[in-house]
Amino acid sequence: MENTSKKTFTADTIWKIVMTILVILLSIFFIFGLIGRAIQVMLKNQAKKVDKLMSKLVVAKVVNNEKDFKRIANYKSRVYFFKHAIAPVCILLVTLILWLVCMSINGWNESMFPIFGRMLYPRNGLPVYIPPLGFDFSGITTNYVDMSNWFNVCTLITIILLFIGTIYYFVEVSGFIARKRRIRKLCDQMFSKNLDDVDLTSFLNTTNSTILNVNKKAGNNVPAVQSNQGVANIYGSNNNPNQNN
């Protein structure tokens, strides 16, 4: 006889399920927000290292042009990267050697990643979705990893070292890229020839005042430059080489 029983959900059960889903989603957003904020702070701190590396040279006026600033700053940034990237590279090399040794001893019969997956989720099967807001967990069985097995312990150590080395190296590479961007930004700020923010009218007025003061002291009667005149014609026809005698 066919079983026609139908599972029903009370309002209290549905409310608990909805609240659980909301808590899980908020937790995920919160965690990703913290990770994003941490990456932002890390990149800012890495970029600021350019200021520390170049401040003494700039203050001492050893570097006074864009070409030298870029060359020296990029060189110092590369040296800083190579020095700090040694540690994660060594961790990754140790991880590779450990993986090769363990797999060779084990005869290459089993992969480490499925074992580590069972460590993270020691279950067989997944929950079955039951509309509208239910799940059936009855088909899930436990499948714990035997940590007394040397290969399983080696797997755990190898994956942890791989994770640490990869994240460490990612931080150093991201810092190198952040410093490159900071170098370009500092070059634009210190050696920019952009006149968009310069008040040229004020510049011409200041130039006129200076010339008038110089001419008064010299006893010359030379008119001031009009706003629509070129600086090249500032002394009128008296200094015009094409004037007819």
C-alpha atoms as a PDB file:
ATOM      1  CA  MET A   1       0.000   0.000   0.000  1.00  0.00           C
ATOM      2  CA  GLU A   2       1.387   3.391  -1.031  1.00  0.00           C
ATOM      3  CA  ASN A   3       2.265   5.721   1.774  1.00  0.00           C
ATOM      4  CA  THR A   4       0.384   8.942   1.127  1.00  0.00           C
ATOM      5  CA  SER A   5       1.346  10.653   4.371  1.00  0.00           C
ATOM      6  CA  LYS A   6       2.281  14.264   3.897  1.00  0.00           C
ATOM      7  CA  LYS A   7       4.552  16.253   6.143  1.00  0.00           C
ATOM      8  CA  THR A   8       3.077  19.504   7.339  1.00  0.00           C
ATOM      9  CA  PHE A   9       4.779  22.508   8.903  1.00  0.00           C
ATOM     10  CA  THR A  10       3.300  24.643  11.609  1.00  0.00           C
ATOM     11  CA  ALA A  11       3.636  28.409  11.605  1.00  0.00           C
ATOM     12  CA  ASP A  12       6.149  28.182  14.429  1.00  0.00           C
ATOM     13  CA  THR A  13       8.336  25.742  12.474  1.00  0.00           C
ATOM     14  CA  ILE A  14       8.275  27.892   9.329  1.00  0.00           C
ATOM     15  CA  TRP A  15       9.125  30.978  11.392  1.00  0.00           C
ATOM     16  CA  LYS A  16      12.138  29.201  12.911  1.00  0.00           C
ATOM     17  CA  ILE A  17      13.338  28.082   9.482  1.00  0.00           C
ATOM     18  CA  VAL A  18      13.035  31.607   8.066  1.00  0.00           C
ATOM     19  CA  MET A  19      14.922  33.080  11.031  1.00  0.00           C
ATOM     20  CA  THR A  20      17.655  30.461  10.664  1.00  0.00           C
ATOM     21  CA  ILE A  21      18.084  31.273   6.977  1.00  0.00           C
ATOM     22  CA  LEU A  22      18.247  35.011   7.730  1.00  0.00           C
ATOM     23  CA  VAL A  23      20.860  34.480  10.443  1.00  0.00           C
ATOM     24  CA  ILE A  24      22.957  32.372   8.070  1.00  0.00           C
ATOM     25  CA  LEU A  25      22.740  34.990   5.294  1.00  0.00           C
ATOM     26  CA  LEU A  26      23.588  37.851   7.661  1.00  0.00           C
ATOM     27  CA  SER A  27      26.524  35.871   9.012  1.00  0.00           C
ATOM     28  CA  ILE A  28      27.818  35.279   5.480  1.00  0.00           C
ATOM     29  CA  PHE A  29      27.520  38.981   4.581  1.00  0.00           C
ATOM     30  CA  PHE A  30      29.215  39.953   7.846  1.00  0.00           C
ATOM     31  CA  ILE A  31      32.114  37.565   7.278  1.00  0.00           C
ATOM     32  CA  PHE A  32      32.638  38.713   3.693  1.00  0.00           C
ATOM     33  CA  GLY A  33      32.443  42.328   4.860  1.00  0.00           C
ATOM     34  CA  LEU A  34      35.164  41.712   7.429  1.00  0.00           C
ATOM     35  CA  ILE A  35      37.322  39.985   4.826  1.00  0.00           C
ATOM     36  CA  GLY A  36      36.841  42.867   2.374  1.00  0.00           C
ATOM     37  CA  ARG A  37      37.667  45.434   5.058  1.00  0.00           C
ATOM     38  CA  ALA A  38      40.783  43.505   6.072  1.00  0.00           C
ATOM     39  CA  ILE A  39      41.964  43.377   2.453  1.00  0.00           C
ATOM     40  CA  GLN A  40      41.316  47.118   2.061  1.00  0.00           C
ATOM     41  CA  VAL A  41      43.344  47.964   5.182  1.00  0.00           C
ATOM     42  CA  MET A  42      46.119  45.610   4.113  1.00  0.00           C
ATOM     43  CA  LEU A  43      46.397  47.189   0.646  1.00  0.00           C
ATOM     44  CA  LYS A  44      46.431  50.697   2.133  1.00  0.00           C
ATOM     45  CA  ASN A  45      49.217  49.787   4.551  1.00  0.00           C
ATOM     46  CA  GLN A  46      51.215  48.131   1.788  1.00  0.00           C
ATOM     47  CA  ALA A  47      50.826  51.186  -0.469  1.00  0.00           C
ATOM     48  CA  LYS A  48      51.966  53.523   2.314  1.00  0.00           C
ATOM     49  CA  LYS A  49      55.276  51.650   2.479  1.00  0.00           C
ATOM     50  CA  VAL A  50      56.301  53.564  -0.652  1.00  0.00           C
ATOM     51  CA  ASP A  51      56.157  56.781   1.375  1.00  0.00           C
ATOM     52  CA  LYS A  52      58.458  55.263   3.981  1.00  0.00           C
ATOM     53  CA  LEU A  53      60.876  53.943   1.364  1.00  0.00           C
ATOM     54  CA  MET A  54      61.106  57.219  -0.585  1.00  0.00           C
ATOM     55  CA  SER A  55      60.484  59.978   1.985  1.00  0.00           C
ATOM     56  CA  LYS A  56      64.145  60.498   2.932  1.00  0.00           C
ATOM     57  CA  LEU A  57      65.260  60.719  -0.703  1.00  0.00           C
ATOM     58  CA  VAL A  58      62.520  63.198  -1.581  1.00  0.00           C
ATOM     59  CA  VAL A  59      63.096  65.386   1.485  1.00  0.00           C
ATOM     60  CA  ALA A  60      66.853  65.432   0.825  1.00  0.00           C
ATOM     61  CA  LYS A  61      66.095  66.396  -2.820  1.00  0.00           C
ATOM     62  CA  VAL A  62      68.114  63.450  -4.096  1.00  0.00           C
ATOM     63  CA  VAL A  63      65.123  62.634  -6.303  1.00  0.00           C
ATOM     64  CA  ASN A  64      63.665  65.666  -8.062  1.00  0.00           C
ATOM     65  CA  ASN A  65      62.164  64.321 -11.292  1.00  0.00           C
ATOM     66  CA  GLU A  66      59.551  61.764 -12.246  1.00  0.00           C
ATOM     67  CA  LYS A  67      61.876  59.374 -14.091  1.00  0.00           C
ATOM     68  CA  ASP A  68      64.272  58.945 -11.165  1.00  0.00           C
ATOM     69  CA  PHE A  69      61.410  58.672  -8.685  1.00  0.00           C
ATOM     70  CA  LYS A  70      59.761  55.852 -10.634  1.00  0.00           C
ATOM     71  CA  ARG A  71      63.031  54.016 -11.184  1.00  0.00           C
ATOM     72  CA  ILE A  72      64.168  54.130  -7.550  1.00  0.00           C
ATOM     73  CA  ALA A  73      60.701  53.540  -6.085  1.00  0.00           C
ATOM     74  CA  ASN A  74      60.054  50.510  -8.312  1.00  0.00           C
ATOM     75  CA  TYR A  75      63.491  49.105  -7.481  1.00  0.00           C
ATOM     76  CA  LYS A  76      62.902  49.471  -3.738  1.00  0.00           C
ATOM     77  CA  SER A  77      59.426  47.961  -4.088  1.00  0.00           C
ATOM     78  CA  ARG A  78      60.811  44.923  -5.931  1.00  0.00           C
ATOM     79  CA  VAL A  79      63.535  44.407  -3.323  1.00  0.00           C
ATOM     80  CA  TYR A  80      60.924  44.659  -0.561  1.00  0.00           C
ATOM     81  CA  PHE A  81      58.738  42.094  -2.355  1.00  0.00           C
ATOM     82  CA  PHE A  82      61.564  39.595  -2.893  1.00  0.00           C
ATOM     83  CA  LYS A  83      62.656  39.821   0.749  1.00  0.00           C
ATOM     84  CA  HIS A  84      59.153  39.265   2.133  1.00  0.00           C
ATOM     85  CA  ALA A  85      58.107  36.679  -0.470  1.00  0.00           C
ATOM     86  CA  ILE A  86      60.860  34.270   0.620  1.00  0.00           C
ATOM     87  CA  ALA A  87      58.834  33.018   3.595  1.00  0.00           C
ATOM     88  CA  PRO A  88      55.645  32.005   1.684  1.00  0.00           C
ATOM     89  CA  VAL A  89      57.696  30.488  -1.142  1.00  0.00           C
ATOM     90  CA  CYS A  90      59.606  28.355   1.393  1.00  0.00           C
ATOM     91  CA  ILE A  91      56.320  27.268   2.981  1.00  0.00           C
ATOM     92  CA  LEU A  92      54.959  26.248  -0.414  1.00  0.00           C
ATOM     93  CA  LEU A  93      58.173  24.346  -1.248  1.00  0.00           C
ATOM     94  CA  VAL A  94      57.983  22.467   2.062  1.00  0.00           C
ATOM     95  CA  THR A  95      54.350  21.698   1.284  1.00  0.00           C
ATOM     96  CA  LEU A  96      55.256  20.339  -2.139  1.00  0.00           C
ATOM     97  CA  ILE A  97      58.043  18.155  -0.718  1.00  0.00           C
ATOM     98  CA  LEU A  98      55.768  16.846   2.048  1.00  0.00           C
ATOM     99  CA  TRP A  99      53.046  16.047  -0.468  1.00  0.00           C
ATOM    100  CA  LEU A 100      55.459  14.184  -2.777  1.00  0.00           C
ATOM    101  CA  VAL A 101      56.921  12.163   0.110  1.00  0.00           C
ATOM    102  CA  CYS A 102      53.539  11.193   1.571  1.00  0.00           C
ATOM    103  CA  MET A 103      52.035  10.310  -1.777  1.00  0.00           C
ATOM    104  CA  SER A 104      55.089   8.246  -2.728  1.00  0.00           C
ATOM    105  CA  ILE A 105      55.007   6.290   0.524  1.00  0.00           C
ATOM    106  CA  ASN A 106      51.273   5.706   0.130  1.00  0.00           C
ATOM    107  CA  GLY A 107      51.802   4.463  -3.427  1.00  0.00           C
ATOM    108  CA  TRP A 108      49.741   7.240  -5.033  1.00  0.00           C
ATOM    109  CA  ASN A 109      46.621   5.252  -4.172  1.00  0.00           C
ATOM    110  CA  GLU A 110      44.552   8.011  -2.575  1.00  0.00           C
ATOM    111  CA  SER A 111      44.252  11.748  -3.063  1.00  0.00           C
ATOM    112  CA  MET A 112      44.555  14.134  -0.134  1.00  0.00           C
ATOM    113  CA  PHE A 113      41.770  16.507  -1.117  1.00  0.00           C
ATOM    114  CA  PRO A 114      38.831  14.061  -0.698  1.00  0.00           C
ATOM    115  CA  ILE A 115      40.202  13.188   2.744  1.00  0.00           C
ATOM    116  CA  PHE A 116      40.389  16.837   3.699  1.00  0.00           C
ATOM    117  CA  GLY A 117      36.868  17.296   2.348  1.00  0.00           C
ATOM    118  CA  ARG A 118      35.653  14.590   4.727  1.00  0.00           C
ATOM    119  CA  MET A 119      37.428  16.403   7.562  1.00  0.00           C
ATOM    120  CA  LEU A 120      35.450  19.535   6.795  1.00  0.00           C
ATOM    121  CA  TYR A 121      32.170  17.674   6.212  1.00  0.00           C
ATOM    122  CA  PRO A 122      32.264  14.232   7.907  1.00  0.00           C
ATOM    123  CA  ARG A 123      28.969  13.133   6.393  1.00  0.00           C
ATOM    124  CA  ASN A 124      27.722  11.051   3.484  1.00  0.00           C
ATOM    125  CA  GLY A 125      24.891  12.589   1.497  1.00  0.00           C
ATOM    126  CA  LEU A 126      23.172  15.963   1.535  1.00  0.00           C
ATOM    127  CA  PRO A 127      19.877  17.201   2.965  1.00  0.00           C
ATOM    128  CA  VAL A 128      16.831  16.618   0.768  1.00  0.00           C
ATOM    129  CA  TYR A 129      14.732  19.735   0.142  1.00  0.00           C
ATOM    130  CA  ILE A 130      11.042  19.420   1.022  1.00  0.00           C
ATOM    131  CA  PRO A 131       8.821  22.269  -0.252  1.00  0.00           C
ATOM    132  CA  PRO A 132       8.098  24.862   0.814  1.00  0.00           C
ATOM    133  CA  LEU A 133      10.672  25.382   3.593  1.00  0.00           C
ATOM    134  CA  GLY A 134      11.762  21.985   4.836  1.00  0.00           C
ATOM    135  CA  PHE A 135      14.743  19.624   4.657  1.00  0.00           C
ATOM    136  CA  ASP A 136      15.050  15.890   5.244  1.00  0.00           C
ATOM    137  CA  PHE A 137      18.271  14.867   7.023  1.00  0.00           C
ATOM    138  CA  SER A 138      17.399  11.200   7.484  1.00  0.00           C
ATOM    139  CA  GLY A 139      19.551  10.026   4.555  1.00  0.00           C
ATOM    140  CA  ILE A 140      22.760  11.550   5.932  1.00  0.00           C
ATOM    141  CA  THR A 141      25.256   9.246   7.651  1.00  0.00           C
ATOM    142  CA  THR A 142      28.468  10.049   9.465  1.00  0.00           C
ATOM    143  CA  ASN A 143      31.842   9.398   7.848  1.00  0.00           C
ATOM    144  CA  TYR A 144      34.592  10.563  10.195  1.00  0.00           C
ATOM    145  CA  VAL A 145      38.234  10.506   9.183  1.00  0.00           C
ATOM    146  CA  ASP A 146      40.484   8.215  11.194  1.00  0.00           C
ATOM    147  CA  MET A 147      43.141  10.580  12.582  1.00  0.00           C
ATOM    148  CA  SER A 148      45.206   7.651  13.847  1.00  0.00           C
ATOM    149  CA  ASN A 149      46.191   6.969  10.238  1.00  0.00           C
ATOM    150  CA  TRP A 150      49.523   8.622   9.394  1.00  0.00           C
ATOM    151  CA  PHE A 151      48.415   9.526   5.854  1.00  0.00           C
ATOM    152  CA  ASN A 152      45.361  11.384   7.166  1.00  0.00           C
ATOM    153  CA  VAL A 153      47.535  13.354   9.599  1.00  0.00           C
ATOM    154  CA  CYS A 154      49.955  14.129   6.787  1.00  0.00           C
ATOM    155  CA  THR A 155      47.013  15.266   4.672  1.00  0.00           C
ATOM    156  CA  LEU A 156      45.863  17.702   7.354  1.00  0.00           C
ATOM    157  CA  ILE A 157      49.350  19.180   7.796  1.00  0.00           C
ATOM    158  CA  THR A 158      49.890  19.492   4.037  1.00  0.00           C
ATOM    159  CA  ILE A 159      46.579  21.253   3.396  1.00  0.00           C
ATOM    160  CA  ILE A 160      47.121  23.670   6.300  1.00  0.00           C
ATOM    161  CA  LEU A 161      50.618  24.559   5.032  1.00  0.00           C
ATOM    162  CA  LEU A 162      49.247  24.979   1.504  1.00  0.00           C
ATOM    163  CA  PHE A 163      46.538  27.320   2.766  1.00  0.00           C
ATOM    164  CA  ILE A 164      48.978  29.422   4.847  1.00  0.00           C
ATOM    165  CA  GLY A 165      51.568  29.666   2.071  1.00  0.00           C
ATOM    166  CA  THR A 166      48.997  30.597  -0.575  1.00  0.00           C
ATOM    167  CA  ILE A 167      47.370  33.315   1.538  1.00  0.00           C
ATOM    168  CA  TYR A 168      50.778  34.652   2.596  1.00  0.00           C
ATOM    169  CA  TYR A 169      51.991  34.836  -0.995  1.00  0.00           C
ATOM    170  CA  PHE A 170      48.716  36.427  -2.102  1.00  0.00           C
ATOM    171  CA  VAL A 171      49.208  39.166   0.512  1.00  0.00           C
ATOM    172  CA  GLU A 172      52.720  39.923  -0.748  1.00  0.00           C
ATOM    173  CA  VAL A 173      51.679  39.992  -4.416  1.00  0.00           C
ATOM    174  CA  SER A 174      48.704  42.231  -3.616  1.00  0.00           C
ATOM    175  CA  GLY A 175      51.022  44.545  -1.664  1.00  0.00           C
ATOM    176  CA  PHE A 176      53.401  44.747  -4.622  1.00  0.00           C
ATOM    177  CA  ILE A 177      50.538  45.750  -6.928  1.00  0.00           C
ATOM    178  CA  ALA A 178      49.283  48.300  -4.374  1.00  0.00           C
ATOM    179  CA  ARG A 179      52.758  49.863  -4.184  1.00  0.00           C
ATOM    180  CA  LYS A 180      52.905  50.119  -7.985  1.00  0.00           C
ATOM    181  CA  ARG A 181      49.645  52.055  -7.972  1.00  0.00           C
ATOM    182  CA  ARG A 182      50.896  54.270  -5.146  1.00  0.00           C
ATOM    183  CA  ILE A 183      54.062  55.094  -7.113  1.00  0.00           C
ATOM    184  CA  ARG A 184      51.999  56.235 -10.106  1.00  0.00           C
ATOM    185  CA  LYS A 185      49.757  58.307  -7.845  1.00  0.00           C
ATOM    186  CA  LEU A 186      52.702  60.014  -6.143  1.00  0.00           C
ATOM    187  CA  CYS A 187      54.282  60.770  -9.514  1.00  0.00           C
ATOM    188  CA  ASP A 188      51.072  62.419 -10.686  1.00  0.00           C
ATOM    189  CA  GLN A 189      50.878  64.477  -7.485  1.00  0.00           C
ATOM    190  CA  MET A 190      54.511  65.617  -7.328  1.00  0.00           C
ATOM    191  CA  PHE A 191      55.494  65.962 -10.986  1.00  0.00           C
ATOM    192  CA  SER A 192      52.179  66.639 -12.724  1.00  0.00           C
ATOM    193  CA  LYS A 193      52.108  69.287 -15.481  1.00  0.00           C
ATOM    194  CA  ASN A 194      48.327  69.518 -15.426  1.00  0.00           C
ATOM    195  CA  LEU A 195      47.114  73.161 -15.421  1.00  0.00           C
ATOM    196  CA  ASP A 196      43.429  72.402 -14.881  1.00  0.00           C
ATOM    197  CA  ASP A 197      43.580  73.624 -11.280  1.00  0.00           C
ATOM    198  CA  VAL A 198      45.781  76.670 -11.992  1.00  0.00           C
ATOM    199  CA  ASP A 199      44.172  80.143 -12.183  1.00  0.00           C
ATOM    200  CA  LEU A 200      45.884  81.572 -15.271  1.00  0.00           C
ATOM    201  CA  THR A 201      44.114  84.948 -14.890  1.00  0.00           C
ATOM    202  CA  SER A 202      45.656  85.366 -11.482  1.00  0.00           C
ATOM    203  CA  PHE A 203      49.011  84.365 -12.945  1.00  0.00           C
ATOM    204  CA  LEU A 204      48.810  87.056 -15.654  1.00  0.00           C
ATOM    205  CA  ASN A 205      47.752  89.707 -13.152  1.00  0.00           C
ATOM    206  CA  THR A 206      50.697  88.829 -10.943  1.00  0.00           C
ATOM    207  CA  THR A 207      53.017  88.951 -13.962  1.00  0.00           C
ATOM    208  CA  ASN A 208      51.686  92.420 -14.942  1.00  0.00           C
ATOM    209  CA  SER A 209      52.186  93.762 -11.432  1.00  0.00           C
ATOM    210  CA  THR A 210      55.729  92.451 -11.312  1.00  0.00           C
ATOM    211  CA  ILE A 211      56.608  93.959 -14.703  1.00  0.00           C
ATOM    212  CA  LEU A 212      55.133  97.347 -13.771  1.00  0.00           C
ATOM    213  CA  ASN A 213      57.126  97.424 -10.564  1.00  0.00           C
ATOM    214  CA  VAL A 214      60.315  96.556 -12.421  1.00  0.00           C
ATOM    215  CA  ASN A 215      59.667  99.212 -15.077  1.00  0.00           C
ATOM    216  CA  LYS A 216      58.913 101.907 -12.502  1.00  0.00           C
ATOM    217  CA  LYS A 217      62.166 101.210 -10.759  1.00  0.00           C
ATOM    218  CA  ALA A 218      64.001 101.313 -14.108  1.00  0.00           C
ATOM    219  CA  GLY A 219      62.226 104.483 -15.227  1.00  0.00           C
ATOM    220  CA  ASN A 220      60.580 102.856 -18.247  1.00  0.00           C
ATOM    221  CA  ASN A 221      57.036 103.668 -19.261  1.00  0.00           C
ATOM    222  CA  VAL A 222      55.807 100.292 -20.524  1.00  0.00           C
ATOM    223  CA  PRO A 223      52.072  99.446 -20.457  1.00  0.00           C
ATOM    224  CA  ALA A 224      50.820  96.383 -18.606  1.00  0.00           C
ATOM    225  CA  VAL A 225      49.835  93.237 -20.431  1.00  0.00           C
ATOM    226  CA  GLN A 226      46.141  92.899 -21.231  1.00  0.00           C
ATOM    227  CA  SER A 227      44.390  89.698 -20.388  1.00  0.00           C
ATOM    228  CA  ASN A 228      44.037  88.815 -24.087  1.00  0.00           C
ATOM    229  CA  GLN A 229      47.660  89.561 -25.025  1.00  0.00           C
ATOM    230  CA  GLY A 230      50.443  87.042 -25.257  1.00  0.00           C
ATOM    231  CA  VAL A 231      53.378  87.100 -22.923  1.00  0.00           C
ATOM    232  CA  ALA A 232      55.654  87.154 -25.956  1.00  0.00           C
ATOM    233  CA  ASN A 233      54.423  90.707 -26.836  1.00  0.00           C
ATOM    234  CA  ILE A 234      54.790  92.046 -23.320  1.00  0.00           C
ATOM    235  CA  TYR A 235      57.142  94.916 -24.290  1.00  0.00           C
ATOM    236  CA  GLY A 236      55.148  96.066 -27.306  1.00  0.00           C
ATOM    237  CA  SER A 237      56.791  97.229 -30.477  1.00  0.00           C
ATOM    238  CA  ASN A 238      59.922  98.612 -28.810  1.00  0.00           C
ATOM    239  CA  ASN A 239      61.561  95.176 -28.902  1.00  0.00           C
ATOM    240  CA  ASN A 240      59.969  93.967 -32.129  1.00  0.00           C
ATOM    241  CA  PRO A 241      62.777  92.787 -34.405  1.00  0.00           C
ATOM    242  CA  ASN A 242      60.577  93.341 -37.506  1.00  0.00           C
ATOM    243  CA  GLN A 243      59.979  97.063 -36.770  1.00  0.00           C
ATOM    244  CA  ASN A 244      60.984  99.417 -39.582  1.00  0.00           C
ATOM    245  CA  ASN A 245      63.588 102.014 -38.596  1.00  0.00           C
END
